[in-house]
């Protein structure tokens, strides 16, 4: 069996096959048609706005012209020289121009105001029938020095009494001490007298451990 085909003819199984899945490009006709559609739409929009503008002009008529008044728009003041301001001085202008006039204030032209004297405070005196209550002396502790526990300072004796009741009910060691109400200029001091300095420090340490405030003076 002879093969009459020439050697230059490619074999059918060696011919490349086109890929059918590859997207094809847009043809020149389709691109031209799309461009014409866009231009036509733009022309329609422009014509619509032009028609709307002409219609409004036809309805409203031509724009109104505003005429200027017949008289002059600048009027010369009847008096030349401007406004006369009281107290006007040329010092500022001369100083800005570089002229040093060594200006001084004329204190004679300014009325001198008298200086008010300070008012002396009159000491308060008690009426003849009223006597000043003496402050009771501070009670002395019966124990040794340093055997007093300061429990707090209060505005009045009622608050100090309530504080003593609360502390003595909460801490049995405080209930065994001697209550001391000590008045002073700012209120009332609540203190407690112990038998010794060691007892006072032990009671104060117990109060501090429970979150209370105290100190041994």
N, C-alpha and C. Protein backbone atom coordinates (compact mmCIF):
# COMPACT_ATOMS: atom_id res chain seq x y z
N UNK A 1 0.86 -1.19 0.00
CA UNK A 1 0.00 0.00 0.00
C UNK A 1 0.89 1.23 0.00
N UNK A 2 0.73 2.09 -0.97
CA UNK A 2 1.60 3.26 -1.13
C UNK A 2 0.95 4.51 -0.59
N UNK A 3 1.76 5.45 -0.12
CA UNK A 3 1.28 6.73 0.41
C UNK A 3 1.66 7.80 -0.58
N UNK A 4 0.59 8.40 -1.24
CA UNK A 4 0.86 9.39 -2.28
C UNK A 4 0.99 10.82 -1.73
N UNK A 5 0.81 11.06 -0.38
CA UNK A 5 0.87 12.42 0.16
C UNK A 5 2.31 12.91 0.18
N UNK A 6 2.48 14.21 0.04
CA UNK A 6 3.81 14.80 0.04
C UNK A 6 4.34 14.88 1.47
N UNK A 7 5.66 15.04 1.55
CA UNK A 7 6.26 15.09 2.88
C UNK A 7 5.98 16.42 3.56
N UNK A 8 5.62 17.51 2.82
CA UNK A 8 5.36 18.81 3.45
C UNK A 8 3.99 18.88 4.10
N UNK A 9 3.05 18.02 3.79
CA UNK A 9 1.70 18.04 4.35
C UNK A 9 1.77 17.51 5.78
N UNK A 10 1.27 18.29 6.78
CA UNK A 10 1.32 17.83 8.17
C UNK A 10 0.37 16.67 8.39
N UNK A 11 0.75 15.85 9.31
CA UNK A 11 -0.09 14.72 9.66
C UNK A 11 -1.30 15.21 10.43
N UNK A 12 -2.46 14.57 10.27
CA UNK A 12 -3.69 15.06 10.94
C UNK A 12 -3.60 14.98 12.45
N UNK A 13 -2.93 14.02 13.00
CA UNK A 13 -2.88 13.90 14.46
C UNK A 13 -1.87 14.85 15.10
N UNK A 14 -1.06 15.54 14.22
CA UNK A 14 -0.12 16.54 14.74
C UNK A 14 -0.63 17.97 14.60
N UNK A 15 -1.81 18.20 14.05
CA UNK A 15 -2.38 19.54 13.87
C UNK A 15 -2.90 20.05 15.21
N UNK A 16 -2.53 21.29 15.65
CA UNK A 16 -3.01 21.83 16.95
C UNK A 16 -4.52 22.07 16.94
N UNK A 17 -5.13 21.77 18.08
CA UNK A 17 -6.58 21.92 18.22
C UNK A 17 -6.85 23.21 19.02
N UNK A 18 -7.80 24.02 18.55
CA UNK A 18 -8.16 25.27 19.24
C UNK A 18 -8.90 24.96 20.54
N UNK A 19 -8.56 25.76 21.55
CA UNK A 19 -9.19 25.58 22.86
C UNK A 19 -10.57 26.21 22.83
N UNK A 20 -11.60 25.38 23.01
CA UNK A 20 -12.98 25.90 22.94
C UNK A 20 -13.36 26.65 24.22
N UNK A 21 -12.66 26.37 25.35
CA UNK A 21 -13.01 27.04 26.61
C UNK A 21 -12.41 28.44 26.73
N UNK A 22 -11.47 28.78 25.88
CA UNK A 22 -10.83 30.10 25.97
C UNK A 22 -11.81 31.19 25.54
N UNK A 23 -11.97 32.27 26.37
CA UNK A 23 -12.92 33.33 26.00
C UNK A 23 -12.47 34.06 24.74
N UNK A 24 -13.41 34.32 23.90
CA UNK A 24 -13.12 35.01 22.65
C UNK A 24 -13.22 36.52 22.84
N UNK A 25 -12.40 37.29 22.13
CA UNK A 25 -12.42 38.73 22.23
C UNK A 25 -13.63 39.35 21.56
N UNK A 26 -13.92 40.61 21.95
CA UNK A 26 -15.05 41.32 21.37
C UNK A 26 -14.64 41.81 19.99
N UNK A 27 -15.54 41.63 19.10
CA UNK A 27 -15.24 42.02 17.72
C UNK A 27 -15.29 43.53 17.57
N UNK A 28 -14.69 44.03 16.52
CA UNK A 28 -14.64 45.47 16.27
C UNK A 28 -16.03 46.03 16.00
N UNK A 29 -16.90 45.27 15.41
CA UNK A 29 -18.26 45.75 15.14
C UNK A 29 -19.04 45.97 16.44
N UNK A 30 -18.88 45.01 17.37
CA UNK A 30 -19.60 45.17 18.64
C UNK A 30 -19.08 46.37 19.42
N UNK A 31 -17.79 46.61 19.42
CA UNK A 31 -17.24 47.76 20.13
C UNK A 31 -17.72 49.06 19.51
N UNK A 32 -17.79 49.12 18.17
CA UNK A 32 -18.29 50.32 17.50
C UNK A 32 -19.76 50.56 17.81
N UNK A 33 -20.54 49.47 17.86
CA UNK A 33 -21.96 49.62 18.16
C UNK A 33 -22.16 50.12 19.59
N UNK A 34 -21.36 49.60 20.55
CA UNK A 34 -21.48 50.05 21.94
C UNK A 34 -21.11 51.52 22.07
N UNK A 35 -20.07 51.96 21.35
CA UNK A 35 -19.67 53.36 21.39
C UNK A 35 -20.76 54.27 20.83
N UNK A 36 -21.41 53.84 19.76
CA UNK A 36 -22.50 54.62 19.18
C UNK A 36 -23.67 54.73 20.14
N UNK A 37 -23.95 53.65 20.88
CA UNK A 37 -25.06 53.69 21.86
C UNK A 37 -24.75 54.68 22.97
N UNK A 38 -23.50 54.69 23.47
CA UNK A 38 -23.13 55.62 24.54
C UNK A 38 -23.22 57.06 24.06
N UNK A 39 -22.75 57.33 22.83
CA UNK A 39 -22.82 58.70 22.31
C UNK A 39 -24.27 59.13 22.11
N UNK A 40 -25.11 58.20 21.64
CA UNK A 40 -26.52 58.54 21.45
C UNK A 40 -27.20 58.85 22.77
N UNK A 41 -26.87 58.09 23.84
CA UNK A 41 -27.47 58.35 25.15
C UNK A 41 -27.02 59.70 25.68
N UNK A 42 -25.73 60.03 25.50
CA UNK A 42 -25.24 61.34 25.96
C UNK A 42 -25.91 62.47 25.20
N UNK A 43 -26.13 62.29 23.91
CA UNK A 43 -26.80 63.32 23.11
C UNK A 43 -28.24 63.51 23.56
N UNK A 44 -28.91 62.40 23.91
CA UNK A 44 -30.30 62.51 24.38
C UNK A 44 -30.37 63.26 25.70
N UNK A 45 -29.44 62.96 26.64
CA UNK A 45 -29.43 63.66 27.94
C UNK A 45 -29.16 65.14 27.75
N UNK A 46 -28.18 65.49 26.88
CA UNK A 46 -27.87 66.89 26.66
C UNK A 46 -29.04 67.62 26.01
N UNK A 47 -29.70 66.96 25.08
CA UNK A 47 -30.85 67.60 24.43
C UNK A 47 -31.99 67.80 25.42
N UNK A 48 -32.15 66.86 26.36
CA UNK A 48 -33.22 67.00 27.36
C UNK A 48 -32.98 68.22 28.24
N UNK A 49 -31.74 68.38 28.74
CA UNK A 49 -31.44 69.53 29.58
C UNK A 49 -31.57 70.83 28.80
N UNK A 50 -31.18 70.82 27.55
CA UNK A 50 -31.30 72.03 26.74
C UNK A 50 -32.76 72.40 26.54
N UNK A 51 -33.59 71.39 26.32
CA UNK A 51 -35.02 71.66 26.12
C UNK A 51 -35.66 72.18 27.39
N UNK A 52 -35.26 71.63 28.55
CA UNK A 52 -35.84 72.10 29.82
C UNK A 52 -35.43 73.55 30.07
N UNK A 53 -34.15 73.91 29.78
CA UNK A 53 -33.73 75.29 29.97
C UNK A 53 -34.45 76.26 29.06
N UNK A 54 -34.69 75.89 27.81
CA UNK A 54 -35.42 76.76 26.88
C UNK A 54 -36.87 76.92 27.31
N UNK A 55 -37.44 75.84 27.84
CA UNK A 55 -38.85 75.94 28.26
C UNK A 55 -39.00 76.87 29.45
N UNK A 56 -38.07 76.80 30.43
CA UNK A 56 -38.14 77.70 31.58
C UNK A 56 -37.94 79.15 31.15
N UNK A 57 -37.05 79.37 30.21
CA UNK A 57 -36.84 80.74 29.73
C UNK A 57 -38.07 81.27 29.03
N UNK A 58 -38.77 80.40 28.30
CA UNK A 58 -39.97 80.84 27.59
C UNK A 58 -41.10 81.15 28.56
N UNK A 59 -41.17 80.39 29.69
CA UNK A 59 -42.25 80.62 30.65
C UNK A 59 -41.99 81.86 31.49
N UNK A 60 -40.75 82.02 32.00
CA UNK A 60 -40.42 83.12 32.89
C UNK A 60 -40.06 84.40 32.16
N UNK A 61 -39.75 84.33 30.93
CA UNK A 61 -39.37 85.51 30.19
C UNK A 61 -37.90 85.83 30.37
N UNK A 62 -37.42 86.89 29.76
CA UNK A 62 -35.99 87.26 29.87
C UNK A 62 -35.68 87.70 31.30
N UNK A 63 -34.41 87.58 31.74
CA UNK A 63 -34.05 87.99 33.10
C UNK A 63 -34.23 89.48 33.31
N UNK A 64 -34.61 89.83 34.53
CA UNK A 64 -34.88 91.23 34.87
C UNK A 64 -33.57 91.99 35.05
N UNK A 65 -33.50 93.17 34.48
CA UNK A 65 -32.32 94.01 34.58
C UNK A 65 -32.49 94.98 35.75
N UNK A 66 -31.50 94.98 36.66
CA UNK A 66 -31.55 95.87 37.83
C UNK A 66 -30.87 97.19 37.45
N UNK A 67 -31.62 98.27 37.53
CA UNK A 67 -31.11 99.58 37.16
C UNK A 67 -30.52 100.27 38.38
N UNK A 68 -29.44 101.00 38.19
CA UNK A 68 -28.81 101.77 39.25
C UNK A 68 -29.63 103.02 39.54
N UNK A 69 -29.57 103.53 40.78
CA UNK A 69 -30.33 104.76 41.08
C UNK A 69 -29.80 105.94 40.26
N UNK A 70 -30.66 106.91 40.10
CA UNK A 70 -30.30 108.05 39.26
C UNK A 70 -29.25 108.94 39.90
N UNK A 71 -29.26 109.08 41.23
CA UNK A 71 -28.32 109.96 41.91
C UNK A 71 -26.92 109.35 42.00
N UNK A 72 -25.95 110.12 42.44
CA UNK A 72 -24.58 109.61 42.60
C UNK A 72 -24.50 108.61 43.76
N UNK A 73 -23.63 107.63 43.62
CA UNK A 73 -23.53 106.63 44.67
C UNK A 73 -22.49 107.02 45.72
N UNK A 74 -21.74 108.07 45.52
CA UNK A 74 -20.83 108.63 46.49
C UNK A 74 -21.22 110.06 46.77
N UNK A 75 -21.35 110.40 48.08
CA UNK A 75 -21.75 111.75 48.48
C UNK A 75 -20.67 112.31 49.37
N UNK A 76 -20.22 113.51 49.06
CA UNK A 76 -19.20 114.16 49.85
C UNK A 76 -19.79 114.65 51.16
N UNK A 77 -19.12 114.40 52.32
CA UNK A 77 -19.68 114.87 53.59
C UNK A 77 -19.72 116.39 53.65
N UNK A 78 -20.68 116.95 54.38
CA UNK A 78 -20.78 118.43 54.44
C UNK A 78 -19.59 119.07 55.12
N UNK A 79 -18.96 118.40 56.09
CA UNK A 79 -17.81 118.96 56.79
C UNK A 79 -16.60 118.11 56.46
N UNK A 80 -15.52 118.77 56.07
CA UNK A 80 -14.29 118.06 55.74
C UNK A 80 -13.45 117.85 56.99
N UNK A 81 -12.61 116.86 56.99
CA UNK A 81 -11.73 116.60 58.13
C UNK A 81 -12.13 115.39 58.93
N UNK A 82 -13.26 114.82 58.68
CA UNK A 82 -13.66 113.60 59.39
C UNK A 82 -14.26 113.89 60.75
N UNK A 83 -14.42 112.85 61.53
CA UNK A 83 -15.07 112.94 62.83
C UNK A 83 -14.07 113.43 63.87
N UNK A 84 -14.48 114.40 64.69
CA UNK A 84 -13.63 114.95 65.73
C UNK A 84 -13.85 114.11 66.99
N UNK A 85 -12.81 113.34 67.38
CA UNK A 85 -12.89 112.47 68.55
C UNK A 85 -12.28 113.18 69.73
N UNK A 86 -13.00 113.18 70.85
CA UNK A 86 -12.48 113.84 72.05
C UNK A 86 -11.29 113.07 72.59
N UNK A 87 -10.24 113.78 72.98
CA UNK A 87 -9.05 113.14 73.51
C UNK A 87 -8.14 112.58 72.45
N UNK A 88 -8.30 112.98 71.21
CA UNK A 88 -7.46 112.47 70.13
C UNK A 88 -6.05 113.02 70.27
N UNK A 89 -5.09 112.18 70.07
CA UNK A 89 -3.70 112.58 70.23
C UNK A 89 -2.90 112.12 69.03
N UNK A 90 -1.87 112.90 68.69
CA UNK A 90 -0.99 112.56 67.59
C UNK A 90 0.23 111.77 68.04
N UNK A 91 0.27 111.41 69.32
CA UNK A 91 1.46 110.72 69.85
C UNK A 91 1.66 109.38 69.16
N UNK A 92 0.57 108.65 68.96
CA UNK A 92 0.70 107.33 68.35
C UNK A 92 1.23 107.44 66.93
N UNK A 93 0.76 108.43 66.16
CA UNK A 93 1.22 108.59 64.79
C UNK A 93 2.68 109.06 64.77
N UNK A 94 3.05 109.95 65.68
CA UNK A 94 4.42 110.44 65.71
C UNK A 94 5.39 109.33 66.11
N UNK A 95 4.96 108.50 67.06
CA UNK A 95 5.82 107.40 67.49
C UNK A 95 6.00 106.38 66.38
N UNK A 96 4.92 106.10 65.63
CA UNK A 96 5.04 105.16 64.52
C UNK A 96 5.91 105.70 63.41
N UNK A 97 6.00 107.04 63.29
CA UNK A 97 6.86 107.65 62.27
C UNK A 97 8.31 107.75 62.71
N UNK A 98 8.61 107.33 63.95
CA UNK A 98 9.99 107.35 64.43
C UNK A 98 10.36 108.57 65.24
N UNK A 99 9.38 109.41 65.59
CA UNK A 99 9.66 110.61 66.38
C UNK A 99 9.48 110.29 67.86
N UNK A 100 10.50 110.54 68.66
CA UNK A 100 10.47 110.28 70.09
C UNK A 100 10.14 111.58 70.81
N UNK A 101 8.97 111.67 71.32
CA UNK A 101 8.53 112.88 72.00
C UNK A 101 8.74 112.81 73.51
N UNK A 102 9.23 111.64 74.02
CA UNK A 102 9.44 111.45 75.46
C UNK A 102 8.18 111.85 76.23
N UNK A 103 7.09 111.20 75.89
CA UNK A 103 5.81 111.57 76.48
C UNK A 103 5.79 111.24 77.96
N UNK A 104 5.17 112.11 78.71
CA UNK A 104 4.99 111.91 80.14
C UNK A 104 3.52 112.11 80.49
N UNK A 105 3.07 111.37 81.48
CA UNK A 105 1.70 111.52 81.93
C UNK A 105 1.59 112.75 82.81
N UNK A 106 0.58 113.55 82.53
CA UNK A 106 0.31 114.74 83.34
C UNK A 106 -0.67 114.34 84.43
N UNK A 107 -0.11 114.08 85.63
CA UNK A 107 -0.97 113.64 86.73
C UNK A 107 -1.85 114.74 87.27
N UNK A 108 -1.54 116.00 86.96
CA UNK A 108 -2.36 117.09 87.46
C UNK A 108 -3.72 117.14 86.78
N UNK A 109 -3.79 116.59 85.56
CA UNK A 109 -5.06 116.61 84.85
C UNK A 109 -5.98 115.46 85.26
N UNK A 110 -5.45 114.56 86.07
CA UNK A 110 -6.25 113.41 86.51
C UNK A 110 -6.65 113.61 87.96
N UNK A 111 -7.93 113.54 88.27
CA UNK A 111 -8.33 113.72 89.67
C UNK A 111 -7.81 112.58 90.53
N UNK A 112 -7.25 112.94 91.66
CA UNK A 112 -6.69 111.93 92.57
C UNK A 112 -7.80 111.40 93.48
N UNK A 113 -7.96 110.08 93.46
CA UNK A 113 -8.98 109.46 94.28
C UNK A 113 -8.42 109.19 95.68
N UNK A 114 -9.16 109.53 96.69
CA UNK A 114 -8.66 109.26 98.06
C UNK A 114 -8.59 107.75 98.31
N UNK A 115 -7.55 107.37 99.01
CA UNK A 115 -7.36 105.96 99.35
C UNK A 115 -8.19 105.63 100.59
N UNK A 116 -9.01 104.59 100.46
CA UNK A 116 -9.85 104.21 101.59
C UNK A 116 -9.01 103.55 102.67
N UNK A 117 -9.20 103.97 103.88
CA UNK A 117 -8.47 103.40 104.99
C UNK A 117 -9.08 102.05 105.38
N UNK A 118 -8.24 101.10 105.74
CA UNK A 118 -8.79 99.80 106.16
C UNK A 118 -9.58 99.92 107.45
N UNK A 119 -10.67 99.20 107.48
CA UNK A 119 -11.55 99.22 108.66
C UNK A 119 -10.98 98.29 109.70
N UNK A 120 -10.78 98.80 110.88
CA UNK A 120 -10.28 97.98 111.97
C UNK A 120 -11.40 97.14 112.56
N UNK A 121 -11.09 95.90 112.78
CA UNK A 121 -12.08 95.01 113.37
C UNK A 121 -12.17 95.27 114.87
N UNK A 122 -13.40 95.45 115.30
CA UNK A 122 -13.62 95.70 116.73
C UNK A 122 -13.70 94.36 117.44
N UNK A 123 -12.91 94.15 118.47
CA UNK A 123 -13.00 92.86 119.18
C UNK A 123 -14.35 92.67 119.83
N UNK A 124 -14.84 91.47 119.74
CA UNK A 124 -16.15 91.15 120.31
C UNK A 124 -16.05 91.09 121.83
N UNK A 125 -16.99 91.74 122.45
CA UNK A 125 -17.05 91.73 123.91
C UNK A 125 -18.34 91.07 124.36
N UNK A 126 -18.25 90.39 125.45
CA UNK A 126 -19.43 89.73 125.99
C UNK A 126 -20.30 90.73 126.73
N UNK A 127 -21.60 90.55 126.72
CA UNK A 127 -22.48 91.42 127.51
C UNK A 127 -22.12 91.33 128.99
N UNK A 128 -22.44 92.38 129.76
CA UNK A 128 -22.06 92.36 131.19
C UNK A 128 -22.71 91.22 131.97
N UNK A 129 -23.91 90.79 131.56
CA UNK A 129 -24.59 89.74 132.31
C UNK A 129 -24.15 88.35 131.89
N UNK A 130 -23.42 88.24 130.76
CA UNK A 130 -23.02 86.94 130.25
C UNK A 130 -21.57 86.67 130.60
N UNK A 131 -21.30 85.48 131.08
CA UNK A 131 -19.95 85.09 131.45
C UNK A 131 -19.48 83.96 130.55
N UNK A 132 -18.22 84.00 130.22
CA UNK A 132 -17.65 82.95 129.39
C UNK A 132 -17.47 81.68 130.20
N UNK A 133 -17.99 80.57 129.65
CA UNK A 133 -17.90 79.30 130.36
C UNK A 133 -16.46 78.81 130.30
N UNK A 134 -15.87 78.50 131.39
CA UNK A 134 -14.49 78.00 131.39
C UNK A 134 -14.45 76.57 130.85
N UNK A 135 -13.38 76.29 130.16
CA UNK A 135 -13.19 74.94 129.63
C UNK A 135 -12.73 74.03 130.76
N UNK A 136 -13.46 72.91 130.95
CA UNK A 136 -13.05 72.03 132.06
C UNK A 136 -11.66 71.48 131.82
N UNK A 137 -10.88 71.30 132.85
CA UNK A 137 -9.51 70.78 132.68
C UNK A 137 -9.54 69.34 132.19
N UNK A 138 -8.47 68.99 131.49
CA UNK A 138 -8.36 67.64 130.94
C UNK A 138 -8.13 66.64 132.07
N UNK A 139 -8.97 65.59 132.11
CA UNK A 139 -8.79 64.60 133.17
C UNK A 139 -7.46 63.88 133.03
N UNK A 140 -6.80 63.65 134.14
CA UNK A 140 -5.51 62.99 134.14
C UNK A 140 -5.70 61.48 134.25
N UNK A 141 -4.95 60.70 133.50
CA UNK A 141 -5.07 59.24 133.60
C UNK A 141 -4.54 58.74 134.93
N UNK A 142 -5.18 57.66 135.41
CA UNK A 142 -4.78 57.09 136.70
C UNK A 142 -3.56 56.19 136.56
N UNK A 143 -3.23 55.73 135.33
CA UNK A 143 -2.11 54.82 135.14
C UNK A 143 -0.80 55.56 134.95
N UNK A 144 0.19 54.81 134.48
CA UNK A 144 1.51 55.37 134.25
C UNK A 144 1.51 56.21 132.97
N UNK A 145 2.56 57.02 132.76
CA UNK A 145 2.65 57.81 131.53
C UNK A 145 2.66 56.91 130.29
N UNK A 146 1.94 57.33 129.25
CA UNK A 146 1.83 56.54 128.04
C UNK A 146 0.78 55.46 128.11
N UNK A 147 -0.09 55.51 129.12
CA UNK A 147 -1.13 54.49 129.27
C UNK A 147 -2.49 54.97 128.77
N UNK A 148 -2.52 56.00 127.92
CA UNK A 148 -3.78 56.55 127.39
C UNK A 148 -3.84 56.23 125.89
N UNK A 149 -5.03 55.79 125.45
CA UNK A 149 -5.26 55.47 124.04
C UNK A 149 -6.20 56.52 123.48
N UNK A 150 -5.78 57.22 122.41
CA UNK A 150 -6.64 58.18 121.72
C UNK A 150 -7.51 57.41 120.74
N UNK A 151 -8.84 57.43 120.96
CA UNK A 151 -9.78 56.68 120.11
C UNK A 151 -10.37 57.52 118.99
N UNK A 152 -10.37 58.83 119.14
CA UNK A 152 -10.92 59.67 118.08
C UNK A 152 -11.25 61.05 118.58
N UNK A 153 -11.58 61.96 117.63
CA UNK A 153 -11.98 63.33 117.94
C UNK A 153 -13.32 63.59 117.26
N UNK A 154 -14.25 64.21 117.96
CA UNK A 154 -15.62 64.37 117.48
C UNK A 154 -16.07 65.81 117.70
N UNK A 155 -17.16 66.16 117.01
CA UNK A 155 -17.65 67.54 117.07
C UNK A 155 -18.34 67.84 118.39
N UNK A 156 -18.96 66.86 119.01
CA UNK A 156 -19.67 67.08 120.28
C UNK A 156 -19.57 65.83 121.14
N UNK A 157 -20.07 65.95 122.37
CA UNK A 157 -19.95 64.85 123.32
C UNK A 157 -20.88 63.70 122.97
N UNK A 158 -22.02 63.99 122.33
CA UNK A 158 -22.95 62.92 121.98
C UNK A 158 -22.31 61.95 120.98
N UNK A 159 -21.59 62.48 120.01
CA UNK A 159 -20.91 61.60 119.06
C UNK A 159 -19.82 60.79 119.73
N UNK A 160 -19.10 61.40 120.66
CA UNK A 160 -18.07 60.66 121.38
C UNK A 160 -18.67 59.55 122.22
N UNK A 161 -19.82 59.79 122.84
CA UNK A 161 -20.47 58.75 123.65
C UNK A 161 -20.92 57.59 122.77
N UNK A 162 -21.47 57.90 121.59
CA UNK A 162 -21.91 56.82 120.70
C UNK A 162 -20.72 56.00 120.21
N UNK A 163 -19.60 56.67 119.93
CA UNK A 163 -18.42 55.94 119.50
C UNK A 163 -17.89 55.03 120.61
N UNK A 164 -17.93 55.50 121.86
CA UNK A 164 -17.47 54.66 122.97
C UNK A 164 -18.38 53.44 123.15
N UNK A 165 -19.68 53.64 123.00
CA UNK A 165 -20.61 52.52 123.13
C UNK A 165 -20.36 51.46 122.07
N UNK A 166 -20.12 51.92 120.81
CA UNK A 166 -19.89 50.98 119.72
C UNK A 166 -18.56 50.24 119.89
N UNK A 167 -17.49 50.96 120.28
CA UNK A 167 -16.19 50.32 120.43
C UNK A 167 -16.14 49.37 121.61
N UNK A 168 -16.74 49.76 122.74
CA UNK A 168 -16.72 48.89 123.92
C UNK A 168 -17.57 47.64 123.71
N UNK A 169 -18.63 47.73 122.89
CA UNK A 169 -19.43 46.54 122.61
C UNK A 169 -18.73 45.62 121.63
N UNK A 170 -17.91 46.18 120.75
CA UNK A 170 -17.21 45.37 119.75
C UNK A 170 -15.92 44.78 120.30
N UNK A 171 -15.22 45.54 121.14
CA UNK A 171 -13.93 45.09 121.66
C UNK A 171 -14.03 45.00 123.18
N UNK A 172 -14.01 43.81 123.78
CA UNK A 172 -14.05 43.70 125.26
C UNK A 172 -12.86 44.36 125.93
N UNK A 173 -11.72 44.41 125.26
CA UNK A 173 -10.55 45.04 125.87
C UNK A 173 -10.75 46.54 126.06
N UNK A 174 -11.55 47.17 125.18
CA UNK A 174 -11.85 48.59 125.33
C UNK A 174 -12.83 48.82 126.47
N UNK A 175 -13.76 47.88 126.68
CA UNK A 175 -14.76 48.04 127.73
C UNK A 175 -14.14 48.01 129.12
N UNK A 176 -12.99 47.37 129.24
CA UNK A 176 -12.33 47.31 130.56
C UNK A 176 -11.54 48.58 130.88
N UNK A 177 -11.35 49.47 129.91
CA UNK A 177 -10.59 50.69 130.13
C UNK A 177 -11.47 51.79 130.71
N UNK A 178 -10.83 52.85 131.20
CA UNK A 178 -11.54 54.00 131.75
C UNK A 178 -11.83 55.01 130.64
N UNK A 179 -13.11 55.32 130.47
CA UNK A 179 -13.50 56.28 129.42
C UNK A 179 -13.10 57.69 129.85
N UNK A 180 -12.53 58.45 128.90
CA UNK A 180 -12.08 59.81 129.16
C UNK A 180 -12.63 60.73 128.07
N UNK A 181 -13.48 61.68 128.44
CA UNK A 181 -14.04 62.69 127.54
C UNK A 181 -13.24 63.97 127.75
N UNK A 182 -12.47 64.37 126.75
CA UNK A 182 -11.56 65.51 126.88
C UNK A 182 -12.01 66.61 125.91
N UNK A 183 -12.58 67.73 126.42
CA UNK A 183 -12.93 68.83 125.51
C UNK A 183 -11.68 69.61 125.08
N UNK A 184 -11.74 70.14 123.84
CA UNK A 184 -10.70 71.03 123.35
C UNK A 184 -11.36 72.06 122.44
N UNK A 185 -10.57 72.97 121.88
CA UNK A 185 -11.14 74.10 121.12
C UNK A 185 -11.89 73.65 119.89
N UNK A 186 -11.53 72.50 119.29
CA UNK A 186 -12.20 72.04 118.08
C UNK A 186 -13.29 71.02 118.31
N UNK A 187 -13.53 70.57 119.54
CA UNK A 187 -14.58 69.57 119.79
C UNK A 187 -14.28 68.73 121.02
N UNK A 188 -14.43 67.44 120.86
CA UNK A 188 -14.28 66.50 121.97
C UNK A 188 -13.32 65.39 121.55
N UNK A 189 -12.36 65.07 122.43
CA UNK A 189 -11.47 63.92 122.22
C UNK A 189 -11.97 62.76 123.07
N UNK A 190 -12.00 61.59 122.46
CA UNK A 190 -12.39 60.38 123.16
C UNK A 190 -11.14 59.56 123.43
N UNK A 191 -10.84 59.37 124.69
CA UNK A 191 -9.66 58.61 125.08
C UNK A 191 -10.05 57.52 126.07
N UNK A 192 -9.13 56.59 126.28
CA UNK A 192 -9.33 55.50 127.23
C UNK A 192 -8.06 55.31 128.02
N UNK A 193 -8.21 55.19 129.37
CA UNK A 193 -7.05 55.03 130.23
C UNK A 193 -6.81 53.56 130.56
N UNK A 194 -5.59 53.09 130.33
CA UNK A 194 -5.23 51.70 130.64
C UNK A 194 -4.39 51.67 131.91
N UNK A 195 -4.15 50.47 132.41
CA UNK A 195 -3.38 50.31 133.64
C UNK A 195 -1.90 50.58 133.41
N UNK A 196 -1.41 50.32 132.20
CA UNK A 196 0.00 50.51 131.92
C UNK A 196 0.17 50.89 130.45
N UNK A 197 1.39 51.28 130.11
CA UNK A 197 1.67 51.63 128.74
C UNK A 197 1.61 50.42 127.82
N UNK A 198 2.02 49.26 128.32
CA UNK A 198 1.96 48.04 127.52
C UNK A 198 0.52 47.66 127.20
N UNK A 199 -0.40 47.82 128.20
CA UNK A 199 -1.81 47.53 127.94
C UNK A 199 -2.38 48.49 126.90
N UNK A 200 -1.98 49.76 126.97
CA UNK A 200 -2.49 50.74 126.01
C UNK A 200 -2.03 50.40 124.59
N UNK A 201 -0.77 50.01 124.44
CA UNK A 201 -0.27 49.64 123.12
C UNK A 201 -0.94 48.37 122.60
N UNK A 202 -1.21 47.42 123.52
CA UNK A 202 -1.87 46.18 123.09
C UNK A 202 -3.30 46.45 122.61
N UNK A 203 -4.03 47.31 123.33
CA UNK A 203 -5.40 47.65 122.92
C UNK A 203 -5.39 48.38 121.57
N UNK A 204 -4.46 49.33 121.39
CA UNK A 204 -4.40 50.07 120.14
C UNK A 204 -4.02 49.15 118.97
N UNK A 205 -3.13 48.16 119.22
CA UNK A 205 -2.78 47.21 118.17
C UNK A 205 -3.97 46.37 117.76
N UNK A 206 -4.80 45.99 118.76
CA UNK A 206 -6.01 45.22 118.44
C UNK A 206 -6.98 46.03 117.59
N UNK A 207 -7.13 47.32 117.94
CA UNK A 207 -8.04 48.19 117.16
C UNK A 207 -7.52 48.39 115.74
N UNK A 208 -6.22 48.59 115.58
CA UNK A 208 -5.65 48.79 114.25
C UNK A 208 -5.80 47.54 113.39
N UNK A 209 -5.64 46.38 113.99
CA UNK A 209 -5.80 45.13 113.24
C UNK A 209 -7.21 44.96 112.74
N UNK A 210 -8.20 45.53 113.46
CA UNK A 210 -9.59 45.45 113.04
C UNK A 210 -10.01 46.58 112.11
N UNK A 211 -9.07 47.47 111.75
CA UNK A 211 -9.38 48.56 110.82
C UNK A 211 -9.77 49.86 111.48
N UNK A 212 -9.64 49.97 112.79
CA UNK A 212 -9.97 51.21 113.50
C UNK A 212 -8.72 52.08 113.61
N UNK A 213 -8.95 53.38 113.90
CA UNK A 213 -7.85 54.33 114.07
C UNK A 213 -7.66 54.63 115.54
N UNK A 214 -6.40 54.66 115.95
CA UNK A 214 -6.07 55.00 117.33
C UNK A 214 -4.58 55.27 117.41
N UNK A 215 -4.17 55.89 118.50
CA UNK A 215 -2.74 56.07 118.75
C UNK A 215 -2.57 56.32 120.25
N UNK A 216 -1.35 56.11 120.69
CA UNK A 216 -1.02 56.31 122.11
C UNK A 216 -0.22 57.60 122.22
N UNK A 217 -0.80 58.66 122.75
CA UNK A 217 -0.09 59.94 122.82
C UNK A 217 1.05 59.90 123.84
